[in-house]
Amino acid sequence: MESQDFQHIVTTIRPKLVNLCQSFFDRQELAYDAEDAVQETLMRMWQMRERIGGYQKPEALAMLIAKNVCIDILKLCKEQHEPLDETANVISNEQADQTIITHDMERLINNALAKVPTAQRRMLMMRSEGMSMTEIAAVCGATPTSTKTMVCAARKRMMELLMIRRNKK
């Protein structure tokens, strides 16, 4: 397989590989990230580039390799972080549960925040950083009244989005 053919395959499947790998690491607090797994997958694909032509669907092969890479990384991390005794195991499990809950909450809030209109999101973030309505209005070139209205609208939208998520679960 020529380098150009391989490059075309990579360009086509890379976004799908990133999405797949992100789904593996979405709930994990790991030093590794999806990008590392994608790079490892592409490296393995490159090493077997001469045989890729024999596969009907190189994309399916890449997805399989990516899944295996993600599983290998997760197994490696689990082995490296195994506690030594029962007490440590209980503490570790409680900390892991709390970490997962915290990570899930951050993800839910960030997903909801991403659905708030940009101007409102910006003002809401400034408010959460402790800025006054007058300061926010000055930075954004708005009146204090419209700033207050937009911040309230952003908070209301966030609550709606978070309540919808909660009711779905």
N, C-alpha and C. Protein backbone atom coordinates (compact mmCIF):
# COMPACT_ATOMS: atom_id res chain seq x y z
N MET A 1 0.85 -1.18 0.00
CA MET A 1 0.00 0.00 0.00
C MET A 1 0.89 1.23 0.00
N GLU A 2 0.57 2.14 -0.85
CA GLU A 2 1.33 3.39 -0.98
C GLU A 2 1.02 4.31 0.19
N SER A 3 1.94 5.19 0.47
CA SER A 3 1.78 6.16 1.56
C SER A 3 0.54 7.03 1.34
N GLN A 4 0.27 7.41 0.10
CA GLN A 4 -0.89 8.25 -0.21
C GLN A 4 -2.19 7.52 0.07
N ASP A 5 -2.24 6.23 -0.27
CA ASP A 5 -3.44 5.43 0.00
C ASP A 5 -3.69 5.33 1.50
N PHE A 6 -2.61 5.09 2.24
CA PHE A 6 -2.72 5.01 3.69
C PHE A 6 -3.19 6.34 4.26
N GLN A 7 -2.62 7.44 3.78
CA GLN A 7 -3.01 8.77 4.24
C GLN A 7 -4.49 9.02 4.00
N HIS A 8 -5.00 8.57 2.85
CA HIS A 8 -6.42 8.74 2.55
C HIS A 8 -7.28 7.95 3.54
N ILE A 9 -6.88 6.74 3.83
CA ILE A 9 -7.63 5.92 4.80
C ILE A 9 -7.62 6.60 6.17
N VAL A 10 -6.46 7.06 6.59
CA VAL A 10 -6.34 7.71 7.90
C VAL A 10 -7.21 8.96 7.98
N THR A 11 -7.18 9.77 6.95
CA THR A 11 -7.98 11.00 6.93
C THR A 11 -9.47 10.68 7.03
N THR A 12 -9.88 9.60 6.43
CA THR A 12 -11.28 9.21 6.42
C THR A 12 -11.74 8.67 7.78
N ILE A 13 -10.92 7.84 8.41
CA ILE A 13 -11.38 7.15 9.63
C ILE A 13 -10.95 7.81 10.93
N ARG A 14 -10.02 8.74 10.88
CA ARG A 14 -9.51 9.34 12.12
C ARG A 14 -10.61 9.93 13.01
N PRO A 15 -11.54 10.73 12.48
CA PRO A 15 -12.60 11.27 13.36
C PRO A 15 -13.42 10.17 14.04
N LYS A 16 -13.67 9.09 13.33
CA LYS A 16 -14.43 7.98 13.93
C LYS A 16 -13.62 7.30 15.03
N LEU A 17 -12.32 7.18 14.82
CA LEU A 17 -11.45 6.59 15.84
C LEU A 17 -11.42 7.46 17.10
N VAL A 18 -11.35 8.77 16.90
CA VAL A 18 -11.33 9.69 18.05
C VAL A 18 -12.62 9.53 18.85
N ASN A 19 -13.77 9.49 18.18
CA ASN A 19 -15.05 9.33 18.88
C ASN A 19 -15.10 8.01 19.64
N LEU A 20 -14.65 6.94 19.01
CA LEU A 20 -14.66 5.63 19.67
C LEU A 20 -13.78 5.66 20.91
N CYS A 21 -12.57 6.15 20.77
CA CYS A 21 -11.64 6.16 21.89
C CYS A 21 -12.12 7.09 23.02
N GLN A 22 -12.73 8.20 22.66
CA GLN A 22 -13.27 9.09 23.69
C GLN A 22 -14.36 8.40 24.50
N SER A 23 -15.12 7.54 23.86
CA SER A 23 -16.18 6.83 24.59
C SER A 23 -15.59 5.88 25.62
N PHE A 24 -14.40 5.33 25.37
CA PHE A 24 -13.75 4.46 26.33
C PHE A 24 -13.24 5.23 27.53
N PHE A 25 -12.73 6.44 27.31
CA PHE A 25 -12.09 7.19 28.37
C PHE A 25 -12.97 8.27 28.96
N ASP A 26 -14.22 8.35 28.54
CA ASP A 26 -15.13 9.40 28.98
C ASP A 26 -15.29 9.40 30.49
N ARG A 27 -15.33 8.24 31.11
CA ARG A 27 -15.57 8.17 32.55
C ARG A 27 -14.32 7.81 33.33
N GLN A 28 -13.19 7.83 32.70
CA GLN A 28 -11.96 7.42 33.36
C GLN A 28 -11.09 8.63 33.66
N GLU A 29 -10.48 8.62 34.81
CA GLU A 29 -9.51 9.65 35.18
C GLU A 29 -8.14 9.05 34.92
N LEU A 30 -7.70 9.09 33.69
CA LEU A 30 -6.46 8.45 33.30
C LEU A 30 -5.49 9.47 32.72
N ALA A 31 -4.23 9.14 32.80
CA ALA A 31 -3.22 10.00 32.19
C ALA A 31 -3.31 9.89 30.66
N TYR A 32 -3.80 8.75 30.21
CA TYR A 32 -3.96 8.55 28.77
C TYR A 32 -5.21 9.25 28.30
N ASP A 33 -5.26 9.60 27.07
CA ASP A 33 -6.50 10.16 26.53
C ASP A 33 -6.78 9.52 25.18
N ALA A 34 -7.87 9.89 24.61
CA ALA A 34 -8.30 9.29 23.36
C ALA A 34 -7.27 9.51 22.26
N GLU A 35 -6.64 10.66 22.27
CA GLU A 35 -5.66 10.96 21.22
C GLU A 35 -4.49 9.98 21.25
N ASP A 36 -4.04 9.60 22.45
CA ASP A 36 -2.96 8.62 22.55
C ASP A 36 -3.39 7.28 21.97
N ALA A 37 -4.61 6.87 22.26
CA ALA A 37 -5.12 5.61 21.75
C ALA A 37 -5.25 5.64 20.23
N VAL A 38 -5.69 6.78 19.70
CA VAL A 38 -5.80 6.92 18.24
C VAL A 38 -4.42 6.83 17.60
N GLN A 39 -3.45 7.52 18.18
CA GLN A 39 -2.09 7.48 17.64
C GLN A 39 -1.53 6.06 17.65
N GLU A 40 -1.76 5.34 18.74
CA GLU A 40 -1.30 3.95 18.82
C GLU A 40 -1.99 3.10 17.75
N THR A 41 -3.26 3.32 17.56
CA THR A 41 -4.01 2.59 16.53
C THR A 41 -3.44 2.85 15.15
N LEU A 42 -3.19 4.12 14.85
CA LEU A 42 -2.65 4.47 13.53
C LEU A 42 -1.25 3.91 13.35
N MET A 43 -0.49 3.87 14.43
CA MET A 43 0.86 3.28 14.36
C MET A 43 0.77 1.79 14.02
N ARG A 44 -0.15 1.10 14.65
CA ARG A 44 -0.33 -0.33 14.36
C ARG A 44 -0.83 -0.54 12.93
N MET A 45 -1.72 0.35 12.49
CA MET A 45 -2.20 0.26 11.11
C MET A 45 -1.03 0.47 10.14
N TRP A 46 -0.17 1.42 10.44
CA TRP A 46 0.97 1.70 9.56
C TRP A 46 1.90 0.48 9.50
N GLN A 47 2.11 -0.17 10.63
CA GLN A 47 2.99 -1.33 10.67
C GLN A 47 2.45 -2.48 9.83
N MET A 48 1.15 -2.52 9.65
CA MET A 48 0.58 -3.60 8.84
C MET A 48 0.02 -3.08 7.51
N ARG A 49 0.53 -1.95 7.05
CA ARG A 49 0.01 -1.31 5.84
C ARG A 49 0.06 -2.21 4.61
N GLU A 50 1.04 -3.10 4.54
CA GLU A 50 1.15 -3.97 3.37
C GLU A 50 0.01 -4.98 3.32
N ARG A 51 -0.57 -5.31 4.46
CA ARG A 51 -1.65 -6.30 4.50
C ARG A 51 -3.04 -5.67 4.47
N ILE A 52 -3.14 -4.35 4.62
CA ILE A 52 -4.44 -3.68 4.68
C ILE A 52 -5.23 -3.88 3.40
N GLY A 53 -4.54 -3.94 2.27
CA GLY A 53 -5.22 -4.14 0.99
C GLY A 53 -6.02 -5.43 0.94
N GLY A 54 -5.68 -6.41 1.77
CA GLY A 54 -6.39 -7.68 1.81
C GLY A 54 -7.70 -7.62 2.59
N TYR A 55 -7.95 -6.52 3.27
CA TYR A 55 -9.18 -6.37 4.04
C TYR A 55 -10.21 -5.62 3.21
N GLN A 56 -11.44 -6.10 3.27
CA GLN A 56 -12.51 -5.43 2.52
C GLN A 56 -12.83 -4.07 3.11
N LYS A 57 -12.77 -3.98 4.44
CA LYS A 57 -13.12 -2.74 5.11
C LYS A 57 -12.00 -2.34 6.09
N PRO A 58 -11.06 -1.55 5.62
CA PRO A 58 -9.98 -1.10 6.51
C PRO A 58 -10.52 -0.34 7.73
N GLU A 59 -11.66 0.32 7.56
CA GLU A 59 -12.26 1.06 8.68
C GLU A 59 -12.63 0.12 9.82
N ALA A 60 -13.21 -1.02 9.48
CA ALA A 60 -13.59 -2.00 10.51
C ALA A 60 -12.35 -2.53 11.22
N LEU A 61 -11.28 -2.74 10.47
CA LEU A 61 -10.03 -3.20 11.06
C LEU A 61 -9.49 -2.14 12.03
N ALA A 62 -9.52 -0.89 11.61
CA ALA A 62 -9.04 0.20 12.46
C ALA A 62 -9.86 0.31 13.74
N MET A 63 -11.17 0.16 13.62
CA MET A 63 -12.04 0.24 14.81
C MET A 63 -11.72 -0.91 15.78
N LEU A 64 -11.49 -2.10 15.24
CA LEU A 64 -11.16 -3.25 16.08
C LEU A 64 -9.83 -3.02 16.79
N ILE A 65 -8.85 -2.54 16.05
CA ILE A 65 -7.55 -2.25 16.66
C ILE A 65 -7.71 -1.18 17.74
N ALA A 66 -8.48 -0.14 17.46
CA ALA A 66 -8.68 0.94 18.44
C ALA A 66 -9.34 0.41 19.72
N LYS A 67 -10.34 -0.44 19.56
CA LYS A 67 -11.00 -1.03 20.74
C LYS A 67 -9.98 -1.81 21.57
N ASN A 68 -9.17 -2.61 20.91
CA ASN A 68 -8.17 -3.40 21.63
C ASN A 68 -7.13 -2.51 22.31
N VAL A 69 -6.72 -1.44 21.65
CA VAL A 69 -5.77 -0.51 22.25
C VAL A 69 -6.38 0.12 23.51
N CYS A 70 -7.62 0.56 23.42
CA CYS A 70 -8.29 1.17 24.57
C CYS A 70 -8.40 0.18 25.73
N ILE A 71 -8.77 -1.04 25.42
CA ILE A 71 -8.89 -2.07 26.46
C ILE A 71 -7.53 -2.34 27.08
N ASP A 72 -6.49 -2.42 26.27
CA ASP A 72 -5.14 -2.63 26.81
C ASP A 72 -4.74 -1.51 27.75
N ILE A 73 -5.02 -0.26 27.36
CA ILE A 73 -4.67 0.88 28.20
C ILE A 73 -5.44 0.83 29.52
N LEU A 74 -6.74 0.52 29.45
CA LEU A 74 -7.54 0.44 30.67
C LEU A 74 -7.05 -0.68 31.59
N LYS A 75 -6.71 -1.83 31.01
CA LYS A 75 -6.18 -2.95 31.82
C LYS A 75 -4.86 -2.56 32.48
N LEU A 76 -3.99 -1.92 31.72
CA LEU A 76 -2.70 -1.51 32.24
C LEU A 76 -2.88 -0.54 33.41
N CYS A 77 -3.77 0.41 33.26
CA CYS A 77 -4.01 1.38 34.34
C CYS A 77 -4.59 0.71 35.57
N LYS A 78 -5.48 -0.25 35.36
CA LYS A 78 -6.08 -0.96 36.49
C LYS A 78 -5.01 -1.74 37.24
N GLU A 79 -4.12 -2.42 36.51
CA GLU A 79 -3.05 -3.19 37.15
C GLU A 79 -2.10 -2.29 37.92
N GLN A 80 -1.81 -1.12 37.38
CA GLN A 80 -0.88 -0.21 38.03
C GLN A 80 -1.46 0.41 39.29
N HIS A 81 -2.78 0.47 39.38
CA HIS A 81 -3.42 1.14 40.51
C HIS A 81 -4.12 0.18 41.45
N GLU A 82 -3.81 -1.11 41.38
CA GLU A 82 -4.44 -2.09 42.28
C GLU A 82 -3.99 -1.83 43.72
N PRO A 83 -4.91 -1.73 44.66
CA PRO A 83 -4.55 -1.52 46.06
C PRO A 83 -3.92 -2.79 46.66
N LEU A 84 -3.15 -2.58 47.73
CA LEU A 84 -2.42 -3.69 48.33
C LEU A 84 -3.22 -4.46 49.36
N ASP A 85 -4.17 -3.85 50.03
CA ASP A 85 -4.94 -4.58 51.03
C ASP A 85 -6.42 -4.19 50.96
N GLU A 86 -7.25 -4.85 51.80
CA GLU A 86 -8.70 -4.62 51.78
C GLU A 86 -9.07 -3.20 52.15
N THR A 87 -8.43 -2.64 53.18
CA THR A 87 -8.75 -1.28 53.61
C THR A 87 -8.45 -0.29 52.48
N ALA A 88 -7.31 -0.46 51.88
CA ALA A 88 -6.96 0.41 50.77
C ALA A 88 -7.93 0.22 49.62
N ASN A 89 -8.39 -1.01 49.45
CA ASN A 89 -9.34 -1.31 48.38
C ASN A 89 -10.66 -0.58 48.61
N VAL A 90 -11.17 -0.61 49.86
CA VAL A 90 -12.42 0.07 50.18
C VAL A 90 -12.28 1.57 49.98
N ILE A 91 -11.18 2.14 50.50
CA ILE A 91 -10.94 3.57 50.34
C ILE A 91 -10.80 3.92 48.87
N SER A 92 -10.05 3.08 48.17
CA SER A 92 -9.85 3.32 46.75
C SER A 92 -11.16 3.28 45.98
N ASN A 93 -12.03 2.31 46.31
CA ASN A 93 -13.33 2.21 45.64
C ASN A 93 -14.20 3.42 45.93
N GLU A 94 -14.19 3.88 47.19
CA GLU A 94 -14.97 5.07 47.54
C GLU A 94 -14.44 6.30 46.81
N GLN A 95 -13.13 6.42 46.74
CA GLN A 95 -12.54 7.56 46.03
C GLN A 95 -12.85 7.47 44.54
N ALA A 96 -12.78 6.25 44.00
CA ALA A 96 -13.08 6.06 42.58
C ALA A 96 -14.53 6.41 42.30
N ASP A 97 -15.44 5.96 43.19
CA ASP A 97 -16.85 6.31 43.02
C ASP A 97 -17.05 7.81 43.04
N GLN A 98 -16.41 8.47 44.01
CA GLN A 98 -16.54 9.92 44.12
C GLN A 98 -15.95 10.61 42.89
N THR A 99 -14.84 10.10 42.41
CA THR A 99 -14.21 10.67 41.21
C THR A 99 -15.13 10.53 40.01
N ILE A 100 -15.73 9.36 39.87
CA ILE A 100 -16.64 9.12 38.74
C ILE A 100 -17.85 10.03 38.84
N ILE A 101 -18.41 10.17 40.05
CA ILE A 101 -19.57 11.04 40.24
C ILE A 101 -19.20 12.48 39.91
N THR A 102 -18.05 12.92 40.41
CA THR A 102 -17.60 14.29 40.14
C THR A 102 -17.39 14.50 38.65
N HIS A 103 -16.73 13.53 38.00
CA HIS A 103 -16.48 13.63 36.56
C HIS A 103 -17.79 13.65 35.78
N ASP A 104 -18.74 12.80 36.18
CA ASP A 104 -20.04 12.78 35.51
C ASP A 104 -20.77 14.11 35.66
N MET A 105 -20.72 14.67 36.87
CA MET A 105 -21.39 15.96 37.10
C MET A 105 -20.74 17.06 36.27
N GLU A 106 -19.41 17.07 36.22
CA GLU A 106 -18.72 18.07 35.40
C GLU A 106 -19.09 17.92 33.93
N ARG A 107 -19.17 16.67 33.48
CA ARG A 107 -19.52 16.42 32.09
C ARG A 107 -20.94 16.87 31.79
N LEU A 108 -21.88 16.57 32.70
CA LEU A 108 -23.27 17.01 32.51
C LEU A 108 -23.37 18.52 32.47
N ILE A 109 -22.68 19.18 33.39
CA ILE A 109 -22.72 20.64 33.45
C ILE A 109 -22.08 21.23 32.19
N ASN A 110 -20.94 20.69 31.77
CA ASN A 110 -20.29 21.20 30.57
C ASN A 110 -21.15 20.97 29.33
N ASN A 111 -21.81 19.82 29.24
CA ASN A 111 -22.70 19.55 28.10
C ASN A 111 -23.87 20.53 28.10
N ALA A 112 -24.44 20.78 29.27
CA ALA A 112 -25.55 21.73 29.36
C ALA A 112 -25.06 23.14 29.03
N LEU A 113 -23.91 23.49 29.56
CA LEU A 113 -23.35 24.82 29.31
C LEU A 113 -23.09 25.04 27.82
N ALA A 114 -22.69 24.00 27.13
CA ALA A 114 -22.42 24.11 25.69
C ALA A 114 -23.69 24.41 24.90
N LYS A 115 -24.86 24.12 25.47
CA LYS A 115 -26.13 24.36 24.78
C LYS A 115 -26.72 25.73 25.08
N VAL A 116 -26.07 26.48 25.96
CA VAL A 116 -26.50 27.84 26.28
C VAL A 116 -25.91 28.76 25.21
N PRO A 117 -26.70 29.74 24.73
CA PRO A 117 -26.16 30.66 23.72
C PRO A 117 -24.84 31.29 24.17
N THR A 118 -23.97 31.53 23.21
CA THR A 118 -22.60 31.97 23.49
C THR A 118 -22.53 33.21 24.38
N ALA A 119 -23.28 34.24 24.06
CA ALA A 119 -23.21 35.48 24.85
C ALA A 119 -23.66 35.23 26.28
N GLN A 120 -24.74 34.48 26.44
CA GLN A 120 -25.23 34.16 27.79
C GLN A 120 -24.22 33.31 28.54
N ARG A 121 -23.63 32.33 27.86
CA ARG A 121 -22.64 31.45 28.49
C ARG A 121 -21.45 32.27 28.97
N ARG A 122 -20.99 33.19 28.12
CA ARG A 122 -19.85 34.03 28.49
C ARG A 122 -20.16 34.85 29.73
N MET A 123 -21.35 35.47 29.76
CA MET A 123 -21.72 36.28 30.92
C MET A 123 -21.89 35.42 32.17
N LEU A 124 -22.47 34.25 32.02
CA LEU A 124 -22.65 33.35 33.15
C LEU A 124 -21.30 32.92 33.72
N MET A 125 -20.35 32.63 32.85
CA MET A 125 -19.01 32.24 33.30
C MET A 125 -18.33 33.39 34.05
N MET A 126 -18.48 34.61 33.54
CA MET A 126 -17.89 35.76 34.23
C MET A 126 -18.51 35.93 35.61
N ARG A 127 -19.83 35.74 35.67
CA ARG A 127 -20.54 35.86 36.96
C ARG A 127 -20.05 34.79 37.93
N SER A 128 -19.86 33.58 37.42
CA SER A 128 -19.41 32.49 38.30
C SER A 128 -17.97 32.72 38.78
N GLU A 129 -17.23 33.56 38.07
CA GLU A 129 -15.86 33.91 38.48
C GLU A 129 -15.85 35.07 39.46
N GLY A 130 -17.04 35.57 39.82
CA GLY A 130 -17.14 36.60 40.85
C GLY A 130 -17.28 38.02 40.35
N MET A 131 -17.40 38.20 39.05
CA MET A 131 -17.57 39.55 38.52
C MET A 131 -18.98 40.07 38.82
N SER A 132 -19.07 41.38 39.03
CA SER A 132 -20.38 41.99 39.27
C SER A 132 -21.09 42.17 37.93
N MET A 133 -22.40 42.41 38.00
CA MET A 133 -23.17 42.64 36.78
C MET A 133 -22.65 43.88 36.04
N THR A 134 -22.27 44.89 36.80
CA THR A 134 -21.75 46.12 36.19
C THR A 134 -20.43 45.84 35.46
N GLU A 135 -19.57 45.05 36.07
CA GLU A 135 -18.29 44.71 35.44
C GLU A 135 -18.51 43.89 34.17
N ILE A 136 -19.42 42.93 34.25
CA ILE A 136 -19.73 42.10 33.08
C ILE A 136 -20.29 42.96 31.96
N ALA A 137 -21.19 43.86 32.31
CA ALA A 137 -21.79 44.75 31.31
C ALA A 137 -20.72 45.58 30.62
N ALA A 138 -19.77 46.09 31.40
CA ALA A 138 -18.70 46.91 30.83
C ALA A 138 -17.82 46.09 29.87
N VAL A 139 -17.50 44.87 30.27
CA VAL A 139 -16.66 44.01 29.43
C VAL A 139 -17.38 43.64 28.13
N CYS A 140 -18.66 43.35 28.24
CA CYS A 140 -19.43 42.88 27.08
C CYS A 140 -20.06 44.01 26.27
N GLY A 141 -19.97 45.22 26.75
CA GLY A 141 -20.57 46.34 26.04
C GLY A 141 -22.09 46.30 26.07
N ALA A 142 -22.64 45.92 27.21
CA ALA A 142 -24.09 45.83 27.37
C ALA A 142 -24.52 46.67 28.57
N THR A 143 -25.81 46.84 28.72
CA THR A 143 -26.31 47.56 29.89
C THR A 143 -26.38 46.58 31.06
N PRO A 144 -26.29 47.09 32.29
CA PRO A 144 -26.41 46.19 33.44
C PRO A 144 -27.74 45.43 33.46
N THR A 145 -28.80 46.08 33.01
CA THR A 145 -30.12 45.43 32.99
C THR A 145 -30.14 44.26 32.01
N SER A 146 -29.62 44.49 30.79
CA SER A 146 -29.62 43.39 29.81
C SER A 146 -28.66 42.29 30.24
N THR A 147 -27.58 42.67 30.91
CA THR A 147 -26.64 41.67 31.42
C THR A 147 -27.32 40.79 32.45
N LYS A 148 -28.05 41.42 33.37
CA LYS A 148 -28.75 40.65 34.40
C LYS A 148 -29.78 39.73 33.76
N THR A 149 -30.48 40.22 32.75
CA THR A 149 -31.48 39.41 32.04
C THR A 149 -30.82 38.21 31.37
N MET A 150 -29.68 38.45 30.73
CA MET A 150 -29.00 37.36 30.02
C MET A 150 -28.42 36.32 30.99
N VAL A 151 -27.89 36.77 32.11
CA VAL A 151 -27.36 35.84 33.11
C VAL A 151 -28.51 35.01 33.68
N CYS A 152 -29.63 35.65 33.97
CA CYS A 152 -30.79 34.91 34.48
C CYS A 152 -31.30 33.91 33.45
N ALA A 153 -31.33 34.31 32.20
CA ALA A 153 -31.78 33.41 31.14
C ALA A 153 -30.83 32.22 31.01
N ALA A 154 -29.53 32.47 31.14
CA ALA A 154 -28.55 31.39 31.06
C ALA A 154 -28.73 30.42 32.23
N ARG A 155 -28.94 30.96 33.43
CA ARG A 155 -29.16 30.09 34.59
C ARG A 155 -30.42 29.25 34.42
N LYS A 156 -31.48 29.89 33.92
CA LYS A 156 -32.74 29.19 33.71
C LYS A 156 -32.55 28.06 32.69
N ARG A 157 -31.84 28.36 31.59
CA ARG A 157 -31.60 27.35 30.55
C ARG A 157 -30.78 26.19 31.10
N MET A 158 -29.77 26.51 31.91
CA MET A 158 -28.96 25.46 32.53
C MET A 158 -29.82 24.56 33.41
N MET A 159 -30.68 25.17 34.20
CA MET A 159 -31.56 24.39 35.08
C MET A 159 -32.48 23.49 34.26
N GLU A 160 -33.04 24.04 33.19
CA GLU A 160 -33.91 23.24 32.33
C GLU A 160 -33.15 22.05 31.75
N LEU A 161 -31.96 22.29 31.24
CA LEU A 161 -31.17 21.22 30.64
C LEU A 161 -30.77 20.17 31.67
N LEU A 162 -30.39 20.62 32.86
CA LEU A 162 -29.99 19.67 33.88
C LEU A 162 -31.18 18.89 34.43
N MET A 163 -32.33 19.51 34.53
CA MET A 163 -33.53 18.81 35.00
C MET A 163 -33.99 17.79 33.97
N ILE A 164 -33.89 18.12 32.69
CA ILE A 164 -34.26 17.19 31.64
C ILE A 164 -33.37 15.96 31.74
N ARG A 165 -32.07 16.15 31.91
CA ARG A 165 -31.14 15.03 32.04
C ARG A 165 -31.50 14.17 33.24
N ARG A 166 -31.79 14.82 34.37
CA ARG A 166 -32.10 14.08 35.59
C ARG A 166 -33.36 13.26 35.42
N ASN A 167 -34.36 13.82 34.76
CA ASN A 167 -35.62 13.12 34.58
C ASN A 167 -35.49 11.96 33.59
N LYS A 168 -34.51 12.02 32.68
CA LYS A 168 -34.29 10.94 31.73
C LYS A 168 -33.66 9.73 32.39
N LYS A 169 -32.95 9.92 33.48
CA LYS A 169 -32.24 8.81 34.12
C LYS A 169 -33.09 8.04 35.05
